[in-house]
Amino acid sequence: ISQGCNSVGEHFNPTNAEHGGPEDDIFKR
């Protein structure tokens, strides 16, 4: 957070999935 929230990268996404919601399957969020 050295540059505020601009330096925290993208969403944590180890499965390389598309963005979704918390109720979605692991490969759909």
PDB file of all heavy atoms in Angstrom:
ATOM      1  N   ILE A   1       0.833  -1.205   0.000  1.00  0.00           N
ATOM      2  CA  ILE A   1       0.000   0.000   0.000  1.00  0.00           C
ATOM      3  C   ILE A   1       0.871   1.259   0.000  1.00  0.00           C
ATOM      4  O   ILE A   1       0.461   2.318   0.462  1.00  0.00           O
ATOM      5  CB  ILE A   1      -0.988   0.009   1.174  1.00  0.00           C
ATOM      6  CG1 ILE A   1      -0.265  -0.071   2.524  1.00  0.00           C
ATOM      7  CG2 ILE A   1      -1.998  -1.128   1.047  1.00  0.00           C
ATOM      8  CD1 ILE A   1      -1.191   0.146   3.724  1.00  0.00           C
ATOM      9  N   SER A   2       2.083   1.130  -0.554  1.00  0.00           N
ATOM     10  CA  SER A   2       2.995   2.281  -0.614  1.00  0.00           C
ATOM     11  C   SER A   2       2.433   3.395  -1.484  1.00  0.00           C
ATOM     12  O   SER A   2       2.770   4.566  -1.303  1.00  0.00           O
ATOM     13  CB  SER A   2       4.365   1.837  -1.142  1.00  0.00           C
ATOM     14  OG  SER A   2       4.252   1.283  -2.455  1.00  0.00           O
ATOM     15  N   GLN A   3       1.583   3.050  -2.431  1.00  0.00           N
ATOM     16  CA  GLN A   3       0.901   4.040  -3.274  1.00  0.00           C
ATOM     17  C   GLN A   3      -0.609   3.970  -3.050  1.00  0.00           C
ATOM     18  O   GLN A   3      -1.404   4.103  -3.968  1.00  0.00           O
ATOM     19  CB  GLN A   3       1.230   3.788  -4.742  1.00  0.00           C
ATOM     20  CG  GLN A   3       2.720   3.902  -5.066  1.00  0.00           C
ATOM     21  CD  GLN A   3       3.008   3.562  -6.516  1.00  0.00           C
ATOM     22  OE1 GLN A   3       2.359   4.061  -7.435  1.00  0.00           O
ATOM     23  NE2 GLN A   3       3.997   2.711  -6.732  1.00  0.00           N
ATOM     24  N   GLY A   4      -0.966   3.781  -1.793  1.00  0.00           N
ATOM     25  CA  GLY A   4      -2.378   3.626  -1.475  1.00  0.00           C
ATOM     26  C   GLY A   4      -2.918   2.345  -2.079  1.00  0.00           C
ATOM     27  O   GLY A   4      -2.228   1.330  -2.190  1.00  0.00           O
ATOM     28  N   CYS A   5      -4.164   2.376  -2.519  1.00  0.00           N
ATOM     29  CA  CYS A   5      -4.797   1.179  -3.084  1.00  0.00           C
ATOM     30  C   CYS A   5      -4.426   0.941  -4.534  1.00  0.00           C
ATOM     31  O   CYS A   5      -4.869  -0.051  -5.133  1.00  0.00           O
ATOM     32  CB  CYS A   5      -6.317   1.275  -2.935  1.00  0.00           C
ATOM     33  SG  CYS A   5      -6.874   1.476  -1.229  1.00  0.00           S
ATOM     34  N   ASN A   6      -3.601   1.823  -5.118  1.00  0.00           N
ATOM     35  CA  ASN A   6      -3.193   1.644  -6.510  1.00  0.00           C
ATOM     36  C   ASN A   6      -2.089   0.610  -6.678  1.00  0.00           C
ATOM     37  O   ASN A   6      -1.807   0.187  -7.798  1.00  0.00           O
ATOM     38  CB  ASN A   6      -2.739   2.975  -7.110  1.00  0.00           C
ATOM     39  CG  ASN A   6      -3.874   3.967  -7.256  1.00  0.00           C
ATOM     40  OD1 ASN A   6      -5.001   3.583  -7.552  1.00  0.00           O
ATOM     41  ND2 ASN A   6      -3.583   5.244  -7.031  1.00  0.00           N
ATOM     42  N   SER A   7      -1.449   0.228  -5.581  1.00  0.00           N
ATOM     43  CA  SER A   7      -0.303  -0.672  -5.687  1.00  0.00           C
ATOM     44  C   SER A   7      -0.587  -2.068  -5.139  1.00  0.00           C
ATOM     45  O   SER A   7       0.336  -2.835  -4.888  1.00  0.00           O
ATOM     46  CB  SER A   7       0.908  -0.067  -4.962  1.00  0.00           C
ATOM     47  OG  SER A   7       0.576   0.347  -3.651  1.00  0.00           O
ATOM     48  N   VAL A   8      -1.875  -2.406  -4.975  1.00  0.00           N
ATOM     49  CA  VAL A   8      -2.202  -3.717  -4.408  1.00  0.00           C
ATOM     50  C   VAL A   8      -2.466  -4.779  -5.477  1.00  0.00           C
ATOM     51  O   VAL A   8      -2.805  -5.917  -5.158  1.00  0.00           O
ATOM     52  CB  VAL A   8      -3.424  -3.628  -3.458  1.00  0.00           C
ATOM     53  CG1 VAL A   8      -3.127  -2.707  -2.293  1.00  0.00           C
ATOM     54  CG2 VAL A   8      -4.678  -3.181  -4.204  1.00  0.00           C
ATOM     55  N   GLY A   9      -2.298  -4.425  -6.740  1.00  0.00           N
ATOM     56  CA  GLY A   9      -2.503  -5.390  -7.811  1.00  0.00           C
ATOM     57  C   GLY A   9      -3.970  -5.638  -8.107  1.00  0.00           C
ATOM     58  O   GLY A   9      -4.846  -4.875  -7.697  1.00  0.00           O
ATOM     59  N   GLU A  10      -4.233  -6.722  -8.818  1.00  0.00           N
ATOM     60  CA  GLU A  10      -5.605  -7.067  -9.194  1.00  0.00           C
ATOM     61  C   GLU A  10      -6.213  -8.018  -8.170  1.00  0.00           C
ATOM     62  O   GLU A  10      -5.577  -8.382  -7.177  1.00  0.00           O
ATOM     63  CB  GLU A  10      -5.609  -7.690 -10.590  1.00  0.00           C
ATOM     64  CG  GLU A  10      -5.009  -6.797 -11.662  1.00  0.00           C
ATOM     65  CD  GLU A  10      -5.672  -5.426 -11.729  1.00  0.00           C
ATOM     66  OE1 GLU A  10      -6.910  -5.352 -11.565  1.00  0.00           O
ATOM     67  OE2 GLU A  10      -4.940  -4.420 -11.936  1.00  0.00           O
ATOM     68  N   HIS A  11      -7.445  -8.427  -8.415  1.00  0.00           N
ATOM     69  CA  HIS A  11      -8.099  -9.369  -7.511  1.00  0.00           C
ATOM     70  C   HIS A  11      -7.281 -10.651  -7.376  1.00  0.00           C
ATOM     71  O   HIS A  11      -6.687 -11.130  -8.355  1.00  0.00           O
ATOM     72  CB  HIS A  11      -9.493  -9.737  -8.024  1.00  0.00           C
ATOM     73  CG  HIS A  11     -10.457  -8.601  -8.003  1.00  0.00           C
ATOM     74  ND1 HIS A  11     -11.756  -8.734  -8.434  1.00  0.00           N
ATOM     75  CD2 HIS A  11     -10.338  -7.309  -7.598  1.00  0.00           C
ATOM     76  CE1 HIS A  11     -12.385  -7.573  -8.304  1.00  0.00           C
ATOM     77  NE2 HIS A  11     -11.533  -6.689  -7.799  1.00  0.00           N
ATOM     78  N   PHE A  12      -7.249 -11.200  -6.178  1.00  0.00           N
ATOM     79  CA  PHE A  12      -6.571 -12.478  -5.944  1.00  0.00           C
ATOM     80  C   PHE A  12      -7.311 -13.561  -6.738  1.00  0.00           C
ATOM     81  O   PHE A  12      -8.486 -13.847  -6.493  1.00  0.00           O
ATOM     82  CB  PHE A  12      -6.578 -12.789  -4.449  1.00  0.00           C
ATOM     83  CG  PHE A  12      -5.973 -14.114  -4.098  1.00  0.00           C
ATOM     84  CD1 PHE A  12      -4.767 -14.528  -4.651  1.00  0.00           C
ATOM     85  CD2 PHE A  12      -6.605 -14.963  -3.191  1.00  0.00           C
ATOM     86  CE1 PHE A  12      -4.206 -15.747  -4.320  1.00  0.00           C
ATOM     87  CE2 PHE A  12      -6.049 -16.176  -2.846  1.00  0.00           C
ATOM     88  CZ  PHE A  12      -4.854 -16.571  -3.408  1.00  0.00           C
ATOM     89  N   ASN A  13      -6.604 -14.162  -7.706  1.00  0.00           N
ATOM     90  CA  ASN A  13      -7.269 -15.001  -8.695  1.00  0.00           C
ATOM     91  C   ASN A  13      -6.370 -16.169  -9.115  1.00  0.00           C
ATOM     92  O   ASN A  13      -5.922 -16.260 -10.261  1.00  0.00           O
ATOM     93  CB  ASN A  13      -7.659 -14.142  -9.917  1.00  0.00           C
ATOM     94  CG  ASN A  13      -8.438 -14.908 -10.955  1.00  0.00           C
ATOM     95  OD1 ASN A  13      -9.040 -15.928 -10.663  1.00  0.00           O
ATOM     96  ND2 ASN A  13      -8.426 -14.405 -12.183  1.00  0.00           N
ATOM     97  N   PRO A  14      -6.079 -17.083  -8.176  1.00  0.00           N
ATOM     98  CA  PRO A  14      -5.134 -18.167  -8.503  1.00  0.00           C
ATOM     99  C   PRO A  14      -5.653 -19.148  -9.549  1.00  0.00           C
ATOM    100  O   PRO A  14      -4.857 -19.865 -10.169  1.00  0.00           O
ATOM    101  CB  PRO A  14      -4.936 -18.868  -7.151  1.00  0.00           C
ATOM    102  CG  PRO A  14      -6.170 -18.541  -6.368  1.00  0.00           C
ATOM    103  CD  PRO A  14      -6.553 -17.153  -6.789  1.00  0.00           C
ATOM    104  N   THR A  15      -6.967 -19.195  -9.796  1.00  0.00           N
ATOM    105  CA  THR A  15      -7.512 -20.112 -10.803  1.00  0.00           C
ATOM    106  C   THR A  15      -7.652 -19.457 -12.167  1.00  0.00           C
ATOM    107  O   THR A  15      -8.127 -20.093 -13.113  1.00  0.00           O
ATOM    108  CB  THR A  15      -8.890 -20.639 -10.357  1.00  0.00           C
ATOM    109  OG1 THR A  15      -9.804 -19.536 -10.223  1.00  0.00           O
ATOM    110  CG2 THR A  15      -8.794 -21.378  -9.030  1.00  0.00           C
ATOM    111  N   ASN A  16      -7.252 -18.188 -12.269  1.00  0.00           N
ATOM    112  CA  ASN A  16      -7.317 -17.459 -13.537  1.00  0.00           C
ATOM    113  C   ASN A  16      -8.741 -17.465 -14.122  1.00  0.00           C
ATOM    114  O   ASN A  16      -8.944 -17.641 -15.324  1.00  0.00           O
ATOM    115  CB  ASN A  16      -6.332 -18.037 -14.550  1.00  0.00           C
ATOM    116  CG  ASN A  16      -6.064 -17.074 -15.698  1.00  0.00           C
ATOM    117  OD1 ASN A  16      -6.105 -15.849 -15.525  1.00  0.00           O
ATOM    118  ND2 ASN A  16      -5.785 -17.613 -16.875  1.00  0.00           N
ATOM    119  N   ALA A  17      -9.718 -17.252 -13.241  1.00  0.00           N
ATOM    120  CA  ALA A  17     -11.117 -17.249 -13.648  1.00  0.00           C
ATOM    121  C   ALA A  17     -11.575 -15.822 -13.956  1.00  0.00           C
ATOM    122  O   ALA A  17     -10.872 -14.847 -13.671  1.00  0.00           O
ATOM    123  CB  ALA A  17     -11.986 -17.830 -12.534  1.00  0.00           C
ATOM    124  N   GLU A  18     -12.766 -15.692 -14.529  1.00  0.00           N
ATOM    125  CA  GLU A  18     -13.382 -14.382 -14.697  1.00  0.00           C
ATOM    126  C   GLU A  18     -13.981 -13.935 -13.371  1.00  0.00           C
ATOM    127  O   GLU A  18     -14.248 -14.748 -12.478  1.00  0.00           O
ATOM    128  CB  GLU A  18     -14.484 -14.447 -15.769  1.00  0.00           C
ATOM    129  CG  GLU A  18     -13.963 -14.694 -17.170  1.00  0.00           C
ATOM    130  CD  GLU A  18     -15.071 -14.658 -18.209  1.00  0.00           C
ATOM    131  OE1 GLU A  18     -16.229 -14.974 -17.848  1.00  0.00           O
ATOM    132  OE2 GLU A  18     -14.788 -14.295 -19.366  1.00  0.00           O
ATOM    133  N   HIS A  19     -14.202 -12.627 -13.270  1.00  0.00           N
ATOM    134  CA  HIS A  19     -14.807 -12.079 -12.066  1.00  0.00           C
ATOM    135  C   HIS A  19     -16.239 -12.598 -11.885  1.00  0.00           C
ATOM    136  O   HIS A  19     -16.981 -12.764 -12.845  1.00  0.00           O
ATOM    137  CB  HIS A  19     -14.829 -10.547 -12.149  1.00  0.00           C
ATOM    138  CG  HIS A  19     -15.506  -9.897 -10.980  1.00  0.00           C
ATOM    139  ND1 HIS A  19     -14.918  -9.794  -9.739  1.00  0.00           N
ATOM    140  CD2 HIS A  19     -16.736  -9.337 -10.861  1.00  0.00           C
ATOM    141  CE1 HIS A  19     -15.746  -9.177  -8.922  1.00  0.00           C
ATOM    142  NE2 HIS A  19     -16.860  -8.898  -9.569  1.00  0.00           N
ATOM    143  N   GLY A  20     -16.602 -12.864 -10.638  1.00  0.00           N
ATOM    144  CA  GLY A  20     -17.949 -13.326 -10.329  1.00  0.00           C
ATOM    145  C   GLY A  20     -18.367 -12.905  -8.932  1.00  0.00           C
ATOM    146  O   GLY A  20     -17.878 -11.914  -8.393  1.00  0.00           O
ATOM    147  N   GLY A  21     -19.273 -13.660  -8.355  1.00  0.00           N
ATOM    148  CA  GLY A  21     -19.777 -13.365  -7.017  1.00  0.00           C
ATOM    149  C   GLY A  21     -19.407 -14.449  -6.036  1.00  0.00           C
ATOM    150  O   GLY A  21     -18.976 -15.551  -6.422  1.00  0.00           O
ATOM    151  N   PRO A  22     -19.567 -14.201  -4.751  1.00  0.00           N
ATOM    152  CA  PRO A  22     -19.136 -15.153  -3.722  1.00  0.00           C
ATOM    153  C   PRO A  22     -19.872 -16.485  -3.756  1.00  0.00           C
ATOM    154  O   PRO A  22     -19.360 -17.484  -3.257  1.00  0.00           O
ATOM    155  CB  PRO A  22     -19.399 -14.401  -2.410  1.00  0.00           C
ATOM    156  CG  PRO A  22     -20.372 -13.332  -2.758  1.00  0.00           C
ATOM    157  CD  PRO A  22     -20.097 -12.958  -4.171  1.00  0.00           C
ATOM    158  N   GLU A  23     -21.056 -16.532  -4.363  1.00  0.00           N
ATOM    159  CA  GLU A  23     -21.808 -17.784  -4.429  1.00  0.00           C
ATOM    160  C   GLU A  23     -21.467 -18.601  -5.675  1.00  0.00           C
ATOM    161  O   GLU A  23     -21.982 -19.718  -5.842  1.00  0.00           O
ATOM    162  CB  GLU A  23     -23.314 -17.496  -4.396  1.00  0.00           C
ATOM    163  CG  GLU A  23     -23.769 -16.749  -3.149  1.00  0.00           C
ATOM    164  CD  GLU A  23     -23.391 -17.472  -1.867  1.00  0.00           C
ATOM    165  OE1 GLU A  23     -23.523 -18.717  -1.839  1.00  0.00           O
ATOM    166  OE2 GLU A  23     -22.952 -16.813  -0.912  1.00  0.00           O
ATOM    167  N   ASP A  24     -20.635 -18.068  -6.546  1.00  0.00           N
ATOM    168  CA  ASP A  24     -20.301 -18.767  -7.782  1.00  0.00           C
ATOM    169  C   ASP A  24     -19.305 -19.902  -7.541  1.00  0.00           C
ATOM    170  O   ASP A  24     -18.585 -19.931  -6.535  1.00  0.00           O
ATOM    171  CB  ASP A  24     -19.721 -17.793  -8.806  1.00  0.00           C
ATOM    172  CG  ASP A  24     -20.772 -16.848  -9.365  1.00  0.00           C
ATOM    173  OD1 ASP A  24     -21.958 -17.227  -9.373  1.00  0.00           O
ATOM    174  OD2 ASP A  24     -20.399 -15.736  -9.780  1.00  0.00           O
ATOM    175  N   ASP A  25     -19.230 -20.823  -8.496  1.00  0.00           N
ATOM    176  CA  ASP A  25     -18.257 -21.898  -8.474  1.00  0.00           C
ATOM    177  C   ASP A  25     -16.841 -21.317  -8.535  1.00  0.00           C
ATOM    178  O   ASP A  25     -16.626 -20.225  -9.081  1.00  0.00           O
ATOM    179  CB  ASP A  25     -18.507 -22.818  -9.672  1.00  0.00           C
ATOM    180  CG  ASP A  25     -17.529 -23.989  -9.708  1.00  0.00           C
ATOM    181  OD1 ASP A  25     -17.788 -24.989  -9.040  1.00  0.00           O
ATOM    182  OD2 ASP A  25     -16.499 -23.864 -10.414  1.00  0.00           O
ATOM    183  N   ILE A  26     -15.866 -22.055  -8.007  1.00  0.00           N
ATOM    184  CA  ILE A  26     -14.495 -21.567  -7.929  1.00  0.00           C
ATOM    185  C   ILE A  26     -13.923 -21.210  -9.295  1.00  0.00           C
ATOM    186  O   ILE A  26     -13.053 -20.337  -9.404  1.00  0.00           O
ATOM    187  CB  ILE A  26     -13.588 -22.608  -7.231  1.00  0.00           C
ATOM    188  CG1 ILE A  26     -12.174 -22.050  -6.989  1.00  0.00           C
ATOM    189  CG2 ILE A  26     -13.535 -23.902  -8.033  1.00  0.00           C
ATOM    190  CD1 ILE A  26     -12.127 -20.835  -6.121  1.00  0.00           C
ATOM    191  N   PHE A  27     -14.402 -21.820 -10.365  1.00  0.00           N
ATOM    192  CA  PHE A  27     -13.886 -21.506 -11.693  1.00  0.00           C
ATOM    193  C   PHE A  27     -14.716 -20.438 -12.402  1.00  0.00           C
ATOM    194  O   PHE A  27     -14.488 -20.139 -13.574  1.00  0.00           O
ATOM    195  CB  PHE A  27     -13.813 -22.781 -12.540  1.00  0.00           C
ATOM    196  CG  PHE A  27     -12.844 -23.790 -11.989  1.00  0.00           C
ATOM    197  CD1 PHE A  27     -13.304 -24.945 -11.379  1.00  0.00           C
ATOM    198  CD2 PHE A  27     -11.474 -23.568 -12.049  1.00  0.00           C
ATOM    199  CE1 PHE A  27     -12.416 -25.869 -10.844  1.00  0.00           C
ATOM    200  CE2 PHE A  27     -10.576 -24.478 -11.521  1.00  0.00           C
ATOM    201  CZ  PHE A  27     -11.046 -25.635 -10.916  1.00  0.00           C
ATOM    202  N   LYS A  28     -15.671 -19.851 -11.674  1.00  0.00           N
ATOM    203  CA  LYS A  28     -16.493 -18.778 -12.224  1.00  0.00           C
ATOM    204  C   LYS A  28     -16.404 -17.500 -11.370  1.00  0.00           C
ATOM    205  O   LYS A  28     -17.236 -16.605 -11.484  1.00  0.00           O
ATOM    206  CB  LYS A  28     -17.943 -19.235 -12.327  1.00  0.00           C
ATOM    207  CG  LYS A  28     -18.153 -20.370 -13.316  1.00  0.00           C
ATOM    208  CD  LYS A  28     -19.616 -20.763 -13.422  1.00  0.00           C
ATOM    209  CE  LYS A  28     -19.803 -21.881 -14.436  1.00  0.00           C
ATOM    210  NZ  LYS A  28     -21.235 -22.307 -14.539  1.00  0.00           N
ATOM    211  N   ARG A  29     -15.389 -17.444 -10.530  1.00  0.00           N
ATOM    212  CA  ARG A  29     -15.141 -16.255  -9.709  1.00  0.00           C
ATOM    213  C   ARG A  29     -13.669 -16.208  -9.344  1.00  0.00           C
ATOM    214  O   ARG A  29     -12.964 -17.227  -9.373  1.00  0.00           O
ATOM    215  CB  ARG A  29     -15.965 -16.276  -8.420  1.00  0.00           C
ATOM    216  CG  ARG A  29     -15.660 -17.461  -7.524  1.00  0.00           C
ATOM    217  CD  ARG A  29     -16.205 -17.342  -6.115  1.00  0.00           C
ATOM    218  NE  ARG A  29     -15.268 -16.660  -5.235  1.00  0.00           N
ATOM    219  CZ  ARG A  29     -15.371 -16.662  -3.895  1.00  0.00           C
ATOM    220  NH1 ARG A  29     -16.362 -17.297  -3.302  1.00  0.00           N
ATOM    221  NH2 ARG A  29     -14.478 -16.015  -3.164  1.00  0.00           N
TER     222      ARG A  29
END
